[in-house]
Each structure stands twice: as structure tokens, then as C-alpha cells.
Amino acid sequence: MNTIGRMLWVAPSTALCWVRNFALKVYEKSTLQGGMVVKLDEMRHFLRDHFIILFAVLLILI
């Protein structure tokens, strides 16, 4: 912010306010669209169960 302030002849706090205001106007929070949220401690069980299902389907197809 110091460099931006020096380049534009304003205080660094003013440049910081500009950046914060710009970020608030532009920022869009992403949303999950049909996604699945898995907690980190549940990831092992999630992957194990899906691997078993995938393996079973592959055995049936072969």
C-alpha cells in the first residue's frame, strides 16, 4: 500500500480503503452446485466406500 500511495500521492491508508472498497464491490461468493461436501475426517471412509462400489461395478462389467 505504501508504493501505491506514493505513486498516487495519497496516504497508504487511503490506498488500502480503495482496495477494500473495490474488493467488496467485485467479490462474489461461489456456491456449490450439486456438489458434495465431505469433512476431512470422513474422507477416508468416503473414499473407501466409493472405491468398493467402483470395484464391484468393474467386476460386474468384466
N, C-alpha and C. Protein backbone atom coordinates (compact mmCIF):
# COMPACT_ATOMS: atom_id res chain seq x y z
N MET A 1 0.81 -1.18 0.00
CA MET A 1 0.00 0.00 0.00
C MET A 1 0.86 1.26 0.00
N ASN A 2 2.06 1.15 0.59
CA ASN A 2 2.95 2.32 0.61
C ASN A 2 3.34 2.74 -0.81
N THR A 3 3.66 1.77 -1.64
CA THR A 3 4.08 2.08 -3.01
C THR A 3 2.94 2.68 -3.81
N ILE A 4 1.75 2.09 -3.68
CA ILE A 4 0.58 2.64 -4.39
C ILE A 4 0.29 4.05 -3.92
N GLY A 5 0.38 4.27 -2.60
CA GLY A 5 0.16 5.60 -2.05
C GLY A 5 1.16 6.61 -2.58
N ARG A 6 2.44 6.21 -2.65
CA ARG A 6 3.46 7.13 -3.18
C ARG A 6 3.22 7.44 -4.65
N MET A 7 2.83 6.44 -5.42
CA MET A 7 2.62 6.65 -6.86
C MET A 7 1.44 7.58 -7.12
N LEU A 8 0.42 7.52 -6.28
CA LEU A 8 -0.77 8.33 -6.49
C LEU A 8 -0.83 9.56 -5.58
N TRP A 9 0.22 9.80 -4.82
CA TRP A 9 0.32 10.94 -3.92
C TRP A 9 -0.81 10.97 -2.90
N VAL A 10 -1.09 9.81 -2.31
CA VAL A 10 -2.09 9.71 -1.25
C VAL A 10 -1.49 8.91 -0.09
N ALA A 11 -2.17 8.92 1.04
CA ALA A 11 -1.70 8.15 2.20
C ALA A 11 -1.92 6.66 1.95
N PRO A 12 -1.05 5.83 2.52
CA PRO A 12 -1.23 4.38 2.35
C PRO A 12 -2.59 3.89 2.86
N SER A 13 -3.11 4.50 3.90
CA SER A 13 -4.41 4.10 4.41
C SER A 13 -5.52 4.38 3.40
N THR A 14 -5.37 5.46 2.61
CA THR A 14 -6.35 5.76 1.57
C THR A 14 -6.31 4.71 0.48
N ALA A 15 -5.11 4.29 0.08
CA ALA A 15 -4.98 3.24 -0.94
C ALA A 15 -5.58 1.94 -0.42
N LEU A 16 -5.37 1.63 0.85
CA LEU A 16 -5.95 0.43 1.44
C LEU A 16 -7.47 0.49 1.42
N CYS A 17 -8.04 1.64 1.73
CA CYS A 17 -9.51 1.80 1.67
C CYS A 17 -10.03 1.59 0.25
N TRP A 18 -9.31 2.12 -0.75
CA TRP A 18 -9.72 1.91 -2.14
C TRP A 18 -9.73 0.44 -2.50
N VAL A 19 -8.67 -0.26 -2.11
CA VAL A 19 -8.58 -1.68 -2.41
C VAL A 19 -9.69 -2.46 -1.72
N ARG A 20 -9.95 -2.17 -0.45
CA ARG A 20 -11.02 -2.86 0.28
C ARG A 20 -12.39 -2.58 -0.33
N ASN A 21 -12.66 -1.32 -0.69
CA ASN A 21 -13.95 -0.99 -1.31
C ASN A 21 -14.11 -1.70 -2.65
N PHE A 22 -13.05 -1.75 -3.43
CA PHE A 22 -13.10 -2.44 -4.71
C PHE A 22 -13.37 -3.92 -4.51
N ALA A 23 -12.70 -4.53 -3.53
CA ALA A 23 -12.90 -5.96 -3.27
C ALA A 23 -14.33 -6.25 -2.83
N LEU A 24 -14.91 -5.38 -2.02
CA LEU A 24 -16.29 -5.59 -1.57
C LEU A 24 -17.28 -5.49 -2.72
N LYS A 25 -17.02 -4.62 -3.68
CA LYS A 25 -17.91 -4.46 -4.83
C LYS A 25 -17.80 -5.62 -5.80
N VAL A 26 -16.59 -6.13 -6.00
CA VAL A 26 -16.33 -7.13 -7.04
C VAL A 26 -16.53 -8.56 -6.55
N TYR A 27 -16.30 -8.82 -5.26
CA TYR A 27 -16.30 -10.19 -4.74
C TYR A 27 -17.65 -10.86 -4.85
N GLU A 28 -17.66 -12.08 -5.39
CA GLU A 28 -18.86 -12.91 -5.45
C GLU A 28 -18.54 -14.24 -4.79
N LYS A 29 -19.30 -14.60 -3.79
CA LYS A 29 -19.07 -15.86 -3.10
C LYS A 29 -19.57 -16.99 -3.99
N SER A 30 -18.72 -17.98 -4.21
CA SER A 30 -19.10 -19.11 -5.04
C SER A 30 -20.05 -20.02 -4.26
N THR A 31 -20.94 -20.67 -4.98
CA THR A 31 -21.87 -21.59 -4.36
C THR A 31 -21.67 -22.98 -4.95
N LEU A 32 -21.93 -23.98 -4.15
CA LEU A 32 -21.85 -25.35 -4.63
C LEU A 32 -23.09 -25.65 -5.47
N GLN A 33 -22.88 -26.18 -6.62
CA GLN A 33 -23.99 -26.53 -7.49
C GLN A 33 -23.98 -28.04 -7.67
N GLY A 34 -24.76 -28.72 -6.86
CA GLY A 34 -24.84 -30.17 -6.96
C GLY A 34 -23.59 -30.86 -6.44
N GLY A 35 -22.79 -30.17 -5.67
CA GLY A 35 -21.57 -30.75 -5.14
C GLY A 35 -21.81 -31.48 -3.84
N MET A 36 -20.79 -32.17 -3.38
CA MET A 36 -20.87 -32.90 -2.14
C MET A 36 -19.78 -32.39 -1.21
N VAL A 37 -20.15 -32.06 0.02
CA VAL A 37 -19.19 -31.57 0.99
C VAL A 37 -18.84 -32.73 1.93
N VAL A 38 -17.55 -33.02 2.04
CA VAL A 38 -17.09 -34.12 2.88
C VAL A 38 -16.07 -33.55 3.87
N LYS A 39 -16.29 -33.81 5.15
CA LYS A 39 -15.34 -33.36 6.16
C LYS A 39 -14.05 -34.15 6.02
N LEU A 40 -12.96 -33.53 6.42
CA LEU A 40 -11.66 -34.15 6.26
C LEU A 40 -11.55 -35.47 7.02
N ASP A 41 -12.13 -35.54 8.22
CA ASP A 41 -12.04 -36.77 8.99
C ASP A 41 -12.91 -37.88 8.41
N GLU A 42 -13.87 -37.53 7.56
CA GLU A 42 -14.72 -38.54 6.92
C GLU A 42 -14.20 -38.95 5.54
N MET A 43 -13.15 -38.29 5.08
CA MET A 43 -12.66 -38.52 3.72
C MET A 43 -12.22 -39.97 3.51
N ARG A 44 -11.57 -40.55 4.50
CA ARG A 44 -11.08 -41.93 4.34
C ARG A 44 -12.24 -42.90 4.14
N HIS A 45 -13.29 -42.75 4.94
CA HIS A 45 -14.45 -43.63 4.80
C HIS A 45 -15.17 -43.39 3.47
N PHE A 46 -15.27 -42.13 3.09
CA PHE A 46 -15.91 -41.77 1.82
C PHE A 46 -15.19 -42.42 0.64
N LEU A 47 -13.86 -42.28 0.62
CA LEU A 47 -13.09 -42.83 -0.50
C LEU A 47 -13.12 -44.36 -0.49
N ARG A 48 -13.05 -44.96 0.70
CA ARG A 48 -13.08 -46.42 0.78
C ARG A 48 -14.40 -46.96 0.25
N ASP A 49 -15.53 -46.36 0.67
CA ASP A 49 -16.84 -46.83 0.22
C ASP A 49 -17.00 -46.66 -1.28
N HIS A 50 -16.57 -45.55 -1.83
CA HIS A 50 -16.71 -45.33 -3.27
C HIS A 50 -15.78 -46.22 -4.07
N PHE A 51 -14.62 -46.52 -3.53
CA PHE A 51 -13.72 -47.44 -4.21
C PHE A 51 -14.32 -48.84 -4.26
N ILE A 52 -14.95 -49.28 -3.16
CA ILE A 52 -15.58 -50.60 -3.13
C ILE A 52 -16.71 -50.68 -4.15
N ILE A 53 -17.52 -49.63 -4.25
CA ILE A 53 -18.63 -49.61 -5.21
C ILE A 53 -18.07 -49.64 -6.64
N LEU A 54 -17.05 -48.83 -6.91
CA LEU A 54 -16.46 -48.80 -8.25
C LEU A 54 -15.86 -50.15 -8.61
N PHE A 55 -15.17 -50.77 -7.67
CA PHE A 55 -14.57 -52.07 -7.91
C PHE A 55 -15.64 -53.12 -8.20
N ALA A 56 -16.76 -53.08 -7.46
CA ALA A 56 -17.86 -54.03 -7.68
C ALA A 56 -18.47 -53.84 -9.07
N VAL A 57 -18.65 -52.62 -9.50
CA VAL A 57 -19.21 -52.34 -10.82
C VAL A 57 -18.25 -52.83 -11.90
N LEU A 58 -16.97 -52.63 -11.71
CA LEU A 58 -16.00 -53.11 -12.70
C LEU A 58 -16.00 -54.63 -12.78
N LEU A 59 -16.15 -55.31 -11.66
CA LEU A 59 -16.21 -56.78 -11.68
C LEU A 59 -17.44 -57.27 -12.41
N ILE A 60 -18.55 -56.56 -12.22
CA ILE A 60 -19.79 -56.95 -12.91
C ILE A 60 -19.68 -56.76 -14.41
N LEU A 61 -19.04 -55.66 -14.82
CA LEU A 61 -18.91 -55.39 -16.25
C LEU A 61 -17.92 -56.30 -16.94
N ILE A 62 -16.97 -56.82 -16.23
CA ILE A 62 -15.96 -57.69 -16.84
C ILE A 62 -16.49 -59.05 -16.85
